[in-house]
């Protein structure tokens, strides 16, 4: 599955489509960038109800899988490096 289609849908504000496509990517590959983007959907309530706890959980998974975007998002939320990657 290619994330270009999901990114295009996201950039065109078609959040229902982009969420579905990122979810398919995560289900098929556990891709860290797709996990990050699912978290972004939840954090901002884009195509899904806003759920910051779910977003942070997804960002933790993405961070462990190597997503720098997720690490940054977690740092923004925690404001400290000591808390950013706790389980």
Protein backbone atom coordinates (compact mmCIF):
# COMPACT_ATOMS: atom_id res chain seq x y z
CA UNK A 1 0.00 0.00 0.00
CA UNK A 2 1.31 3.41 -0.98
CA UNK A 3 1.07 6.34 1.40
CA UNK A 4 1.08 8.89 -1.43
CA UNK A 5 -2.67 8.46 -1.89
CA UNK A 6 -3.26 8.88 1.84
CA UNK A 7 -1.04 11.97 1.96
CA UNK A 8 -2.85 13.44 -1.05
CA UNK A 9 -6.24 12.89 0.60
CA UNK A 10 -4.95 14.49 3.82
CA UNK A 11 -3.56 17.51 1.99
CA UNK A 12 -6.87 17.93 0.17
CA UNK A 13 -8.74 17.93 3.52
CA UNK A 14 -10.44 14.61 2.73
CA UNK A 15 -9.88 13.38 6.25
CA UNK A 16 -12.33 10.46 6.17
CA UNK A 17 -10.46 9.07 3.15
CA UNK A 18 -7.00 9.76 4.53
CA UNK A 19 -7.85 8.16 7.88
CA UNK A 20 -9.13 5.03 6.15
CA UNK A 21 -6.05 4.84 3.93
CA UNK A 22 -3.58 5.36 6.77
CA UNK A 23 -5.44 2.71 8.78
CA UNK A 24 -5.06 0.26 5.89
CA UNK A 25 -1.34 1.03 5.71
CA UNK A 26 -0.90 0.46 9.45
CA UNK A 27 -2.87 -2.79 9.31
CA UNK A 28 -0.73 -4.06 6.44
CA UNK A 29 2.72 -2.76 7.37
CA UNK A 30 2.82 -1.11 10.85
CA UNK A 31 4.43 1.88 9.05
CA UNK A 32 5.67 4.46 11.58
CA UNK A 33 4.69 7.47 9.46
CA UNK A 34 1.17 6.14 8.96
CA UNK A 35 0.91 5.55 12.73
CA UNK A 36 1.97 9.16 13.27
CA UNK A 37 -0.65 10.41 10.84
CA UNK A 38 -3.39 8.36 12.50
CA UNK A 39 -2.37 10.03 15.75
CA UNK A 40 -2.60 13.42 14.07
CA UNK A 41 -6.14 12.62 12.94
CA UNK A 42 -7.13 11.75 16.51
CA UNK A 43 -5.27 14.66 18.10
CA UNK A 44 -6.90 17.25 15.86
CA UNK A 45 -10.25 15.47 15.37
CA UNK A 46 -9.79 15.15 11.62
CA UNK A 47 -12.31 12.65 10.27
CA UNK A 48 -12.64 11.04 13.70
CA UNK A 49 -13.68 12.33 17.13
CA UNK A 50 -10.88 14.16 18.93
CA UNK A 51 -9.13 11.73 21.29
CA UNK A 52 -5.82 13.03 22.59
CA UNK A 53 -5.15 9.88 24.63
CA UNK A 54 -5.49 7.75 21.50
CA UNK A 55 -3.25 10.16 19.60
CA UNK A 56 -0.54 9.95 22.22
CA UNK A 57 -0.79 6.16 22.29
CA UNK A 58 -0.37 6.01 18.51
CA UNK A 59 2.50 8.49 18.63
CA UNK A 60 4.27 6.33 21.22
CA UNK A 61 3.94 3.32 18.92
CA UNK A 62 5.15 5.37 15.98
CA UNK A 63 8.06 6.75 17.98
CA UNK A 64 9.17 3.25 18.97
CA UNK A 65 8.95 2.28 15.30
CA UNK A 66 11.29 5.16 14.38
CA UNK A 67 9.07 8.16 13.51
CA UNK A 68 10.85 11.42 14.26
CA UNK A 69 7.58 13.30 13.74
CA UNK A 70 6.00 11.23 16.50
CA UNK A 71 8.94 11.86 18.84
CA UNK A 72 8.60 15.59 18.23
CA UNK A 73 4.82 15.50 18.78
CA UNK A 74 5.32 13.67 22.07
CA UNK A 75 7.93 16.19 23.15
CA UNK A 76 5.55 19.02 22.35
CA UNK A 77 2.91 17.42 24.55
CA UNK A 78 5.15 16.50 27.45
CA UNK A 79 7.53 19.47 27.30
CA UNK A 80 10.26 17.24 28.75
CA UNK A 81 12.40 14.51 27.28
CA UNK A 82 12.02 12.42 30.46
CA UNK A 83 8.28 11.92 29.83
CA UNK A 84 8.08 11.70 26.07
CA UNK A 85 8.51 7.97 25.62
CA UNK A 86 7.13 6.48 28.84
CA UNK A 87 4.63 3.68 28.53
